[in-house]
Amino acid sequence: MRSQVLALTVGMLAVCMGIPGDGYADLWKCKQADGNVLFSDRGGVGCREVGPLPELQSAPTSAARGPVEPVKKQEEAVPAPVLKVAQQLSSRPFEPSSRTVPNLYVTRMSSSLAAKGWSRPNQGDIALVQVDLAHWAAGNGPYLGTDHHFKNVPRQTFAVAVLAAAKAVNYNPRFVQAQLTMPVGSILHAGEQIDGPSAGAAWAVAVAAALLGDPVRTDVCISGTIDMNLVVGPVGGLEHKIEGCHLMQNIHEMLLPAGQNTFAITDKGMARLIKVTEVGTLSEAYEIMTGRPLRPAL
């Protein structure tokens, strides 16, 4: 398995932190008659389509073969420039741990098949992804990696998720090694590649839970971006993604960004016994997904 190793630089951090909150594909921003703004998966009067996320610059990456495992030798780390952090941040060592969260995405029919009259009623899909966290004793991280299932934008989204989670729990990110993988449990996911930033909130919850030692509920799914202000931001395709949640029989609640719930989503949820809950911040999402409050790491 190939893993894409990312050495975060200050320049990349600045770019990642600057990801616009409404730059996601298949999303409409609609101004209502009362002046309020509603994000929707469909257009209409007063709506404009939000453009795709622009390609971001990243640091050079190097590929490593073999299964993703915690790096044992500090000299294997890709050097990173000095990153100034506050002295009060925790850098305590912690045992390596893993958290698994559902990753929701939308699979669309190719234009060639659509032209032949094929259709796909349910475009929502789901896969379990694993976040592995270990203490990076060299203190020159964060040292991040993903496997081949994740394209450029989700790799950068993972970087933001790690930094946001570390900020939320008051932990020094320079002492974090984090790896994101999709353990393939089905041949259906063998060739899948994840794109877009919409799993950022899920990954941030997983990282924070690993740092705090909290378990993550297995009966909750979430779709939403995350930024360095710890805000869960809007995404597209939610009416399909709730169908993705339904593919896993143990899931009974779906979290989505505040202001994005619609009658169609709620109706689908009720028909499938899935509770739909809006969350606006990482703290709100974390408390629901773990049953514990988001708090500083000791």
C-alpha atoms as a PDB file:
ATOM      1  CA  MET A   1       0.000   0.000   0.000  1.00  0.00           C
ATOM      2  CA  ARG A   2       1.344   3.418  -0.912  1.00  0.00           C
ATOM      3  CA  SER A   3       1.129   6.149   1.696  1.00  0.00           C
ATOM      4  CA  GLN A   4       1.438   9.824   0.891  1.00  0.00           C
ATOM      5  CA  VAL A   5       3.634  11.432   3.563  1.00  0.00           C
ATOM      6  CA  LEU A   6       3.037  15.128   4.172  1.00  0.00           C
ATOM      7  CA  ALA A   7       5.611  17.360   5.877  1.00  0.00           C
ATOM      8  CA  LEU A   8       3.632  20.461   6.859  1.00  0.00           C
ATOM      9  CA  THR A   9       5.327  23.781   6.290  1.00  0.00           C
ATOM     10  CA  VAL A  10       4.250  27.169   7.559  1.00  0.00           C
ATOM     11  CA  GLY A  11       3.255  28.141   4.030  1.00  0.00           C
ATOM     12  CA  MET A  12       0.969  25.124   3.683  1.00  0.00           C
ATOM     13  CA  LEU A  13      -0.606  25.825   7.049  1.00  0.00           C
ATOM     14  CA  ALA A  14      -1.446  29.332   5.950  1.00  0.00           C
ATOM     15  CA  VAL A  15      -3.063  28.038   2.780  1.00  0.00           C
ATOM     16  CA  CYS A  16      -5.008  25.355   4.619  1.00  0.00           C
ATOM     17  CA  MET A  17      -6.290  27.807   7.184  1.00  0.00           C
ATOM     18  CA  GLY A  18      -7.466  30.022   4.376  1.00  0.00           C
ATOM     19  CA  ILE A  19      -9.821  27.508   2.762  1.00  0.00           C
ATOM     20  CA  PRO A  20     -13.033  29.440   2.058  1.00  0.00           C
ATOM     21  CA  GLY A  21     -16.022  28.230   4.026  1.00  0.00           C
ATOM     22  CA  ASP A  22     -18.416  28.021   1.103  1.00  0.00           C
ATOM     23  CA  GLY A  23     -16.149  26.693  -1.663  1.00  0.00           C
ATOM     24  CA  TYR A  24     -17.553  23.237  -2.154  1.00  0.00           C
ATOM     25  CA  ALA A  25     -18.911  21.531  -5.251  1.00  0.00           C
ATOM     26  CA  ASP A  26     -22.595  20.778  -5.772  1.00  0.00           C
ATOM     27  CA  LEU A  27     -23.694  23.366  -3.264  1.00  0.00           C
ATOM     28  CA  TRP A  28     -26.067  26.295  -3.721  1.00  0.00           C
ATOM     29  CA  LYS A  29     -26.181  29.478  -1.664  1.00  0.00           C
ATOM     30  CA  CYS A  30     -29.714  30.829  -1.612  1.00  0.00           C
ATOM     31  CA  LYS A  31     -30.815  34.235  -0.305  1.00  0.00           C
ATOM     32  CA  GLN A  32     -34.276  34.013   1.198  1.00  0.00           C
ATOM     33  CA  ALA A  33     -36.991  36.682   1.046  1.00  0.00           C
ATOM     34  CA  ASP A  34     -36.345  37.566   4.686  1.00  0.00           C
ATOM     35  CA  GLY A  35     -32.670  38.200   3.939  1.00  0.00           C
ATOM     36  CA  ASN A  36     -31.368  34.994   5.507  1.00  0.00           C
ATOM     37  CA  VAL A  37     -28.951  32.759   3.601  1.00  0.00           C
ATOM     38  CA  LEU A  38     -29.630  29.040   3.211  1.00  0.00           C
ATOM     39  CA  PHE A  39     -27.208  26.460   1.833  1.00  0.00           C
ATOM     40  CA  SER A  40     -28.955  23.864  -0.308  1.00  0.00           C
ATOM     41  CA  ASP A  41     -28.143  20.910  -2.536  1.00  0.00           C
ATOM     42  CA  ARG A  42     -30.543  22.278  -5.153  1.00  0.00           C
ATOM     43  CA  GLY A  43     -30.798  25.593  -6.964  1.00  0.00           C
ATOM     44  CA  GLY A  44     -33.777  27.892  -7.343  1.00  0.00           C
ATOM     45  CA  VAL A  45     -34.832  31.513  -7.230  1.00  0.00           C
ATOM     46  CA  GLY A  46     -32.245  33.641  -5.455  1.00  0.00           C
ATOM     47  CA  CYS A  47     -29.645  30.836  -5.534  1.00  0.00           C
ATOM     48  CA  ARG A  48     -26.158  30.791  -6.963  1.00  0.00           C
ATOM     49  CA  GLU A  49     -23.961  27.737  -7.332  1.00  0.00           C
ATOM     50  CA  VAL A  50     -20.888  27.669  -5.129  1.00  0.00           C
ATOM     51  CA  GLY A  51     -17.797  26.894  -7.159  1.00  0.00           C
ATOM     52  CA  PRO A  52     -15.440  23.961  -6.563  1.00  0.00           C
ATOM     53  CA  LEU A  53     -12.662  24.135  -4.003  1.00  0.00           C
ATOM     54  CA  PRO A  54      -9.613  25.691  -5.661  1.00  0.00           C
ATOM     55  CA  GLU A  55      -6.500  23.589  -5.940  1.00  0.00           C
ATOM     56  CA  LEU A  56      -4.242  24.284  -2.989  1.00  0.00           C
ATOM     57  CA  GLN A  57      -0.487  24.382  -2.831  1.00  0.00           C
ATOM     58  CA  SER A  58       1.157  21.762  -0.697  1.00  0.00           C
ATOM     59  CA  ALA A  59       4.599  20.776   0.391  1.00  0.00           C
ATOM     60  CA  PRO A  60       6.435  18.161  -1.702  1.00  0.00           C
ATOM     61  CA  THR A  61       5.393  14.639  -0.816  1.00  0.00           C
ATOM     62  CA  SER A  62       7.340  11.421  -0.799  1.00  0.00           C
ATOM     63  CA  ALA A  63       5.908   7.945  -1.202  1.00  0.00           C
ATOM     64  CA  ALA A  64       6.576   5.045   1.124  1.00  0.00           C
ATOM     65  CA  ARG A  65       5.777   1.398   0.484  1.00  0.00           C
ATOM     66  CA  GLY A  66       4.309  -1.094   2.897  1.00  0.00           C
ATOM     67  CA  PRO A  67       1.477  -0.910   5.411  1.00  0.00           C
ATOM     68  CA  VAL A  68       0.906   2.291   7.307  1.00  0.00           C
ATOM     69  CA  GLU A  69       2.572   1.924  10.678  1.00  0.00           C
ATOM     70  CA  PRO A  70       3.828   4.351  13.316  1.00  0.00           C
ATOM     71  CA  VAL A  71       7.307   5.514  12.331  1.00  0.00           C
ATOM     72  CA  LYS A  72       9.790   4.051  14.798  1.00  0.00           C
ATOM     73  CA  LYS A  73      12.906   5.996  13.846  1.00  0.00           C
ATOM     74  CA  GLN A  74      12.900   9.701  14.344  1.00  0.00           C
ATOM     75  CA  GLU A  75      15.420  10.180  11.531  1.00  0.00           C
ATOM     76  CA  GLU A  76      12.772   8.988   9.050  1.00  0.00           C
ATOM     77  CA  ALA A  77      10.722  12.131   9.654  1.00  0.00           C
ATOM     78  CA  VAL A  78      10.676  14.756   6.928  1.00  0.00           C
ATOM     79  CA  PRO A  79      12.244  17.894   8.421  1.00  0.00           C
ATOM     80  CA  ALA A  80       9.851  20.764   9.021  1.00  0.00           C
ATOM     81  CA  PRO A  81      10.648  24.415   9.727  1.00  0.00           C
ATOM     82  CA  VAL A  82      10.373  25.774  13.223  1.00  0.00           C
ATOM     83  CA  LEU A  83       6.744  26.425  14.177  1.00  0.00           C
ATOM     84  CA  LYS A  84       6.280  28.762  17.110  1.00  0.00           C
ATOM     85  CA  VAL A  85       3.665  27.595  19.599  1.00  0.00           C
ATOM     86  CA  ALA A  86       2.487  28.755  22.982  1.00  0.00           C
ATOM     87  CA  GLN A  87       4.310  27.317  25.979  1.00  0.00           C
ATOM     88  CA  GLN A  88       1.098  26.268  27.706  1.00  0.00           C
ATOM     89  CA  LEU A  89       0.263  23.626  25.087  1.00  0.00           C
ATOM     90  CA  SER A  90       0.523  20.041  26.270  1.00  0.00           C
ATOM     91  CA  SER A  91       3.099  17.787  24.654  1.00  0.00           C
ATOM     92  CA  ARG A  92       2.725  14.803  26.965  1.00  0.00           C
ATOM     93  CA  PRO A  93       3.520  11.398  25.455  1.00  0.00           C
ATOM     94  CA  PHE A  94       0.539   9.150  24.802  1.00  0.00           C
ATOM     95  CA  GLU A  95       0.057   5.567  23.739  1.00  0.00           C
ATOM     96  CA  PRO A  96      -0.570   4.986  20.014  1.00  0.00           C
ATOM     97  CA  SER A  97      -4.286   4.644  19.370  1.00  0.00           C
ATOM     98  CA  SER A  98      -6.777   4.351  16.531  1.00  0.00           C
ATOM     99  CA  ARG A  99     -10.269   5.682  15.932  1.00  0.00           C
ATOM    100  CA  THR A 100     -12.637   4.577  13.179  1.00  0.00           C
ATOM    101  CA  VAL A 101     -15.304   6.891  11.755  1.00  0.00           C
ATOM    102  CA  PRO A 102     -17.742   6.611   8.821  1.00  0.00           C
ATOM    103  CA  ASN A 103     -16.782   8.592   5.725  1.00  0.00           C
ATOM    104  CA  LEU A 104     -19.778   9.764   3.661  1.00  0.00           C
ATOM    105  CA  TYR A 105     -19.472  10.598  -0.012  1.00  0.00           C
ATOM    106  CA  VAL A 106     -21.498  10.816  -3.210  1.00  0.00           C
ATOM    107  CA  THR A 107     -20.880   8.504  -6.161  1.00  0.00           C
ATOM    108  CA  ARG A 108     -22.229   9.813  -9.449  1.00  0.00           C
ATOM    109  CA  MET A 109     -22.852   7.976 -12.689  1.00  0.00           C
ATOM    110  CA  SER A 110     -20.288   8.769 -15.365  1.00  0.00           C
ATOM    111  CA  SER A 111     -21.496  10.996 -18.192  1.00  0.00           C
ATOM    112  CA  SER A 112     -20.950   8.213 -20.712  1.00  0.00           C
ATOM    113  CA  LEU A 113     -23.224   5.817 -18.824  1.00  0.00           C
ATOM    114  CA  ALA A 114     -25.792   8.537 -18.186  1.00  0.00           C
ATOM    115  CA  ALA A 115     -25.890   9.251 -21.921  1.00  0.00           C
ATOM    116  CA  LYS A 116     -26.813   5.609 -22.473  1.00  0.00           C
ATOM    117  CA  GLY A 117     -29.824   5.940 -20.160  1.00  0.00           C
ATOM    118  CA  TRP A 118     -28.326   4.381 -17.026  1.00  0.00           C
ATOM    119  CA  SER A 119     -29.313   5.871 -13.677  1.00  0.00           C
ATOM    120  CA  ARG A 120     -28.339   5.518 -10.042  1.00  0.00           C
ATOM    121  CA  PRO A 121     -31.249   6.383  -7.691  1.00  0.00           C
ATOM    122  CA  ASN A 122     -29.101   6.359  -4.554  1.00  0.00           C
ATOM    123  CA  GLN A 123     -25.809   8.162  -5.050  1.00  0.00           C
ATOM    124  CA  GLY A 124     -24.903   8.188  -1.369  1.00  0.00           C
ATOM    125  CA  ASP A 125     -22.154   5.865  -0.168  1.00  0.00           C
ATOM    126  CA  ILE A 126     -20.203   5.207   3.012  1.00  0.00           C
ATOM    127  CA  ALA A 127     -16.876   3.677   3.984  1.00  0.00           C
ATOM    128  CA  LEU A 128     -15.118   3.293   7.311  1.00  0.00           C
ATOM    129  CA  VAL A 129     -11.822   5.147   7.617  1.00  0.00           C
ATOM    130  CA  GLN A 130      -9.213   4.756  10.330  1.00  0.00           C
ATOM    131  CA  VAL A 131      -7.207   7.493  12.014  1.00  0.00           C
ATOM    132  CA  ASP A 132      -4.010   6.282  13.728  1.00  0.00           C
ATOM    133  CA  LEU A 133      -2.345   8.639  16.179  1.00  0.00           C
ATOM    134  CA  ALA A 134       1.038   8.381  17.881  1.00  0.00           C
ATOM    135  CA  HIS A 135       3.309  10.696  19.848  1.00  0.00           C
ATOM    136  CA  TRP A 136       6.028  12.246  17.664  1.00  0.00           C
ATOM    137  CA  ALA A 137       8.875  12.576  20.141  1.00  0.00           C
ATOM    138  CA  ALA A 138      11.089  14.632  17.810  1.00  0.00           C
ATOM    139  CA  GLY A 139       8.697  17.551  18.241  1.00  0.00           C
ATOM    140  CA  ASN A 140       9.222  18.793  14.670  1.00  0.00           C
ATOM    141  CA  GLY A 141       5.887  17.643  13.256  1.00  0.00           C
ATOM    142  CA  PRO A 142       3.082  17.267  12.722  1.00  0.00           C
ATOM    143  CA  TYR A 143       3.980  14.190  10.683  1.00  0.00           C
ATOM    144  CA  LEU A 144       1.006  13.171   8.568  1.00  0.00           C
ATOM    145  CA  GLY A 145       0.261  10.422   6.086  1.00  0.00           C
ATOM    146  CA  THR A 146      -2.610   9.010   4.038  1.00  0.00           C
ATOM    147  CA  ASP A 147      -3.011   5.982   1.809  1.00  0.00           C
ATOM    148  CA  HIS A 148      -3.858   5.943  -1.892  1.00  0.00           C
ATOM    149  CA  HIS A 149      -7.616   6.200  -1.315  1.00  0.00           C
ATOM    150  CA  PHE A 150      -7.373   9.940  -0.619  1.00  0.00           C
ATOM    151  CA  LYS A 151      -6.783  12.616  -3.242  1.00  0.00           C
ATOM    152  CA  ASN A 152      -5.040  15.955  -2.764  1.00  0.00           C
ATOM    153  CA  VAL A 153      -7.932  17.953  -1.264  1.00  0.00           C
ATOM    154  CA  PRO A 154      -8.809  15.378   1.431  1.00  0.00           C
ATOM    155  CA  ARG A 155      -5.107  15.054   2.296  1.00  0.00           C
ATOM    156  CA  GLN A 156      -4.997  18.788   2.945  1.00  0.00           C
ATOM    157  CA  THR A 157      -8.349  18.571   4.744  1.00  0.00           C
ATOM    158  CA  PHE A 158      -6.826  15.934   7.023  1.00  0.00           C
ATOM    159  CA  ALA A 159      -3.978  18.330   7.823  1.00  0.00           C
ATOM    160  CA  VAL A 160      -6.484  21.017   8.818  1.00  0.00           C
ATOM    161  CA  ALA A 161      -8.470  18.451  10.860  1.00  0.00           C
ATOM    162  CA  VAL A 162      -5.353  17.457  12.824  1.00  0.00           C
ATOM    163  CA  LEU A 163      -4.428  21.067  13.526  1.00  0.00           C
ATOM    164  CA  ALA A 164      -7.996  21.981  14.492  1.00  0.00           C
ATOM    165  CA  ALA A 165      -8.299  18.986  16.838  1.00  0.00           C
ATOM    166  CA  ALA A 166      -4.961  19.796  18.467  1.00  0.00           C
ATOM    167  CA  LYS A 167      -6.059  23.404  18.952  1.00  0.00           C
ATOM    168  CA  ALA A 168      -9.380  22.274  20.433  1.00  0.00           C
ATOM    169  CA  VAL A 169      -7.724  20.116  23.102  1.00  0.00           C
ATOM    170  CA  ASN A 170      -4.779  22.458  23.689  1.00  0.00           C
ATOM    171  CA  TYR A 171      -2.180  19.970  22.431  1.00  0.00           C
ATOM    172  CA  ASN A 172       1.029  20.922  20.614  1.00  0.00           C
ATOM    173  CA  PRO A 173       0.628  19.615  17.034  1.00  0.00           C
ATOM    174  CA  ARG A 174       4.402  19.383  16.616  1.00  0.00           C
ATOM    175  CA  PHE A 175       4.270  16.225  18.747  1.00  0.00           C
ATOM    176  CA  VAL A 176       1.601  14.493  16.643  1.00  0.00           C
ATOM    177  CA  GLN A 177       2.002  11.730  14.103  1.00  0.00           C
ATOM    178  CA  ALA A 178      -1.313  10.952  12.364  1.00  0.00           C
ATOM    179  CA  GLN A 179      -2.171   8.615   9.521  1.00  0.00           C
ATOM    180  CA  LEU A 180      -5.435   8.264   7.611  1.00  0.00           C
ATOM    181  CA  THR A 181      -6.294   4.979   5.905  1.00  0.00           C
ATOM    182  CA  MET A 182      -9.283   3.170   4.479  1.00  0.00           C
ATOM    183  CA  PRO A 183      -9.056  -0.473   5.530  1.00  0.00           C
ATOM    184  CA  VAL A 184     -10.840  -2.167   2.652  1.00  0.00           C
ATOM    185  CA  GLY A 185     -13.475  -4.510   4.068  1.00  0.00           C
ATOM    186  CA  SER A 186     -15.350  -4.885   0.808  1.00  0.00           C
ATOM    187  CA  ILE A 187     -14.309  -5.342  -2.793  1.00  0.00           C
ATOM    188  CA  LEU A 188     -16.728  -2.508  -3.578  1.00  0.00           C
ATOM    189  CA  HIS A 189     -14.315  -0.072  -1.908  1.00  0.00           C
ATOM    190  CA  ALA A 190     -11.110  -1.590  -3.266  1.00  0.00           C
ATOM    191  CA  GLY A 191     -10.711   1.049  -5.977  1.00  0.00           C
ATOM    192  CA  GLU A 192     -12.479   3.941  -4.243  1.00  0.00           C
ATOM    193  CA  GLN A 193     -10.827   7.334  -4.031  1.00  0.00           C
ATOM    194  CA  ILE A 194     -12.152   9.986  -1.680  1.00  0.00           C
ATOM    195  CA  ASP A 195     -12.215  13.597  -2.819  1.00  0.00           C
ATOM    196  CA  GLY A 196     -13.398  16.872  -1.311  1.00  0.00           C
ATOM    197  CA  PRO A 197     -13.253  18.400   2.187  1.00  0.00           C
ATOM    198  CA  SER A 198     -16.603  17.202   3.577  1.00  0.00           C
ATOM    199  CA  ALA A 199     -15.164  14.618   6.017  1.00  0.00           C
ATOM    200  CA  GLY A 200     -13.042  17.167   7.874  1.00  0.00           C
ATOM    201  CA  ALA A 201     -15.322  17.333  10.917  1.00  0.00           C
ATOM    202  CA  ALA A 202     -15.368  13.529  11.264  1.00  0.00           C
ATOM    203  CA  TRP A 203     -11.587  13.335  11.099  1.00  0.00           C
ATOM    204  CA  ALA A 204     -11.159  16.172  13.595  1.00  0.00           C
ATOM    205  CA  VAL A 205     -13.428  14.340  16.055  1.00  0.00           C
ATOM    206  CA  ALA A 206     -11.390  11.155  15.580  1.00  0.00           C
ATOM    207  CA  VAL A 207      -8.077  12.940  16.196  1.00  0.00           C
ATOM    208  CA  ALA A 208      -9.378  14.751  19.292  1.00  0.00           C
ATOM    209  CA  ALA A 209     -10.843  11.517  20.659  1.00  0.00           C
ATOM    210  CA  ALA A 210      -7.510   9.749  20.220  1.00  0.00           C
ATOM    211  CA  LEU A 211      -5.695  12.570  22.035  1.00  0.00           C
ATOM    212  CA  LEU A 212      -8.206  12.537  24.906  1.00  0.00           C
ATOM    213  CA  GLY A 213      -8.658   8.755  25.080  1.00  0.00           C
ATOM    214  CA  ASP A 214     -12.409   8.872  24.421  1.00  0.00           C
ATOM    215  CA  PRO A 215     -14.275   6.220  22.392  1.00  0.00           C
ATOM    216  CA  VAL A 216     -16.258   7.241  19.300  1.00  0.00           C
ATOM    217  CA  ARG A 217     -19.842   6.048  18.914  1.00  0.00           C
ATOM    218  CA  THR A 218     -20.416   3.598  16.098  1.00  0.00           C
ATOM    219  CA  ASP A 219     -24.071   4.550  15.530  1.00  0.00           C
ATOM    220  CA  VAL A 220     -23.456   8.143  14.343  1.00  0.00           C
ATOM    221  CA  CYS A 221     -22.385   9.496  10.957  1.00  0.00           C
ATOM    222  CA  ILE A 222     -21.395  13.074  10.133  1.00  0.00           C
ATOM    223  CA  SER A 223     -20.735  15.212   7.077  1.00  0.00           C
ATOM    224  CA  GLY A 224     -19.218  18.669   7.415  1.00  0.00           C
ATOM    225  CA  THR A 225     -16.023  20.592   6.841  1.00  0.00           C
ATOM    226  CA  ILE A 226     -13.785  21.914   9.611  1.00  0.00           C
ATOM    227  CA  ASP A 227     -11.661  25.046   9.852  1.00  0.00           C
ATOM    228  CA  MET A 228      -9.199  26.515  12.319  1.00  0.00           C
ATOM    229  CA  ASN A 229     -12.028  28.379  14.048  1.00  0.00           C
ATOM    230  CA  LEU A 230     -13.453  24.915  14.916  1.00  0.00           C
ATOM    231  CA  VAL A 231     -16.573  25.609  12.854  1.00  0.00           C
ATOM    232  CA  VAL A 232     -18.399  22.771  11.095  1.00  0.00           C
ATOM    233  CA  GLY A 233     -19.008  24.190   7.615  1.00  0.00           C
ATOM    234  CA  PRO A 234     -21.485  23.468   4.793  1.00  0.00           C
ATOM    235  CA  VAL A 235     -21.191  20.595   2.320  1.00  0.00           C
ATOM    236  CA  GLY A 236     -23.158  19.320  -0.662  1.00  0.00           C
ATOM    237  CA  GLY A 237     -25.031  16.124  -1.385  1.00  0.00           C
ATOM    238  CA  LEU A 238     -26.607  15.698   2.036  1.00  0.00           C
ATOM    239  CA  GLU A 239     -29.841  14.244   0.659  1.00  0.00           C
ATOM    240  CA  HIS A 240     -27.735  11.470  -0.858  1.00  0.00           C
ATOM    241  CA  LYS A 241     -25.394  11.134   2.099  1.00  0.00           C
ATOM    242  CA  ILE A 242     -28.212  10.244   4.483  1.00  0.00           C
ATOM    243  CA  GLU A 243     -28.818   7.293   2.174  1.00  0.00           C
ATOM    244  CA  GLY A 244     -25.160   6.447   2.674  1.00  0.00           C
ATOM    245  CA  CYS A 245     -25.687   6.435   6.447  1.00  0.00           C
ATOM    246  CA  HIS A 246     -28.616   4.066   5.951  1.00  0.00           C
ATOM    247  CA  LEU A 247     -26.322   1.549   4.254  1.00  0.00           C
ATOM    248  CA  MET A 248     -24.891   0.737   7.697  1.00  0.00           C
ATOM    249  CA  GLN A 249     -27.677  -0.762   9.772  1.00  0.00           C
ATOM    250  CA  ASN A 250     -26.155   0.236  13.104  1.00  0.00           C
ATOM    251  CA  ILE A 251     -26.246   3.998  12.345  1.00  0.00           C
ATOM    252  CA  HIS A 252     -29.209   5.807  13.918  1.00  0.00           C
ATOM    253  CA  GLU A 253     -28.131   9.463  13.864  1.00  0.00           C
ATOM    254  CA  MET A 254     -26.666  11.785  11.250  1.00  0.00           C
ATOM    255  CA  LEU A 255     -24.919  15.049  12.090  1.00  0.00           C
ATOM    256  CA  LEU A 256     -24.824  17.812   9.484  1.00  0.00           C
ATOM    257  CA  PRO A 257     -23.770  21.473   9.450  1.00  0.00           C
ATOM    258  CA  ALA A 258     -26.056  23.988  11.133  1.00  0.00           C
ATOM    259  CA  GLY A 259     -28.535  25.536   8.704  1.00  0.00           C
ATOM    260  CA  GLN A 260     -28.378  22.712   6.163  1.00  0.00           C
ATOM    261  CA  ASN A 261     -31.192  20.473   7.320  1.00  0.00           C
ATOM    262  CA  THR A 262     -34.148  20.298   4.930  1.00  0.00           C
ATOM    263  CA  PHE A 263     -37.560  18.674   4.967  1.00  0.00           C
ATOM    264  CA  ALA A 264     -36.368  16.094   2.431  1.00  0.00           C
ATOM    265  CA  ILE A 265     -33.415  15.080   4.632  1.00  0.00           C
ATOM    266  CA  THR A 266     -35.539  14.903   7.788  1.00  0.00           C
ATOM    267  CA  ASP A 267     -38.220  12.946   5.930  1.00  0.00           C
ATOM    268  CA  LYS A 268     -35.683  10.432   4.659  1.00  0.00           C
ATOM    269  CA  GLY A 269     -34.219  10.142   8.134  1.00  0.00           C
ATOM    270  CA  MET A 270     -37.592   9.450   9.742  1.00  0.00           C
ATOM    271  CA  ALA A 271     -38.382   6.800   7.130  1.00  0.00           C
ATOM    272  CA  ARG A 272     -35.085   5.071   7.898  1.00  0.00           C
ATOM    273  CA  LEU A 273     -35.113   5.619  11.667  1.00  0.00           C
ATOM    274  CA  ILE A 274     -32.162   8.008  11.474  1.00  0.00           C
ATOM    275  CA  LYS A 275     -32.264  11.102  13.659  1.00  0.00           C
ATOM    276  CA  VAL A 276     -30.961  14.241  11.918  1.00  0.00           C
ATOM    277  CA  THR A 277     -29.044  16.687  14.136  1.00  0.00           C
ATOM    278  CA  GLU A 278     -27.435  19.989  13.195  1.00  0.00           C
ATOM    279  CA  VAL A 279     -24.076  20.960  14.693  1.00  0.00           C
ATOM    280  CA  GLY A 280     -22.240  24.235  14.301  1.00  0.00           C
ATOM    281  CA  THR A 281     -18.951  23.576  16.060  1.00  0.00           C
ATOM    282  CA  LEU A 282     -16.428  20.809  16.640  1.00  0.00           C
ATOM    283  CA  SER A 283     -17.348  20.878  20.328  1.00  0.00           C
ATOM    284  CA  GLU A 284     -21.006  20.104  19.566  1.00  0.00           C
ATOM    285  CA  ALA A 285     -20.108  17.311  17.163  1.00  0.00           C
ATOM    286  CA  TYR A 286     -17.565  15.850  19.583  1.00  0.00           C
ATOM    287  CA  GLU A 287     -19.959  15.669  22.515  1.00  0.00           C
ATOM    288  CA  ILE A 288     -22.562  13.831  20.443  1.00  0.00           C
ATOM    289  CA  MET A 289     -20.088  11.461  18.796  1.00  0.00           C
ATOM    290  CA  THR A 290     -18.223  10.543  21.990  1.00  0.00           C
ATOM    291  CA  GLY A 291     -20.644  11.265  24.846  1.00  0.00           C
ATOM    292  CA  ARG A 292     -17.904  13.329  26.478  1.00  0.00           C
ATOM    293  CA  PRO A 293     -17.243  17.092  26.448  1.00  0.00           C
ATOM    294  CA  LEU A 294     -14.391  18.464  24.350  1.00  0.00           C
ATOM    295  CA  ARG A 295     -11.731  19.546  26.848  1.00  0.00           C
ATOM    296  CA  PRO A 296      -8.004  20.294  27.194  1.00  0.00           C
ATOM    297  CA  ALA A 297      -5.582  17.374  27.121  1.00  0.00           C
ATOM    298  CA  LEU A 298      -3.803  16.965  30.440  1.00  0.00           C
END
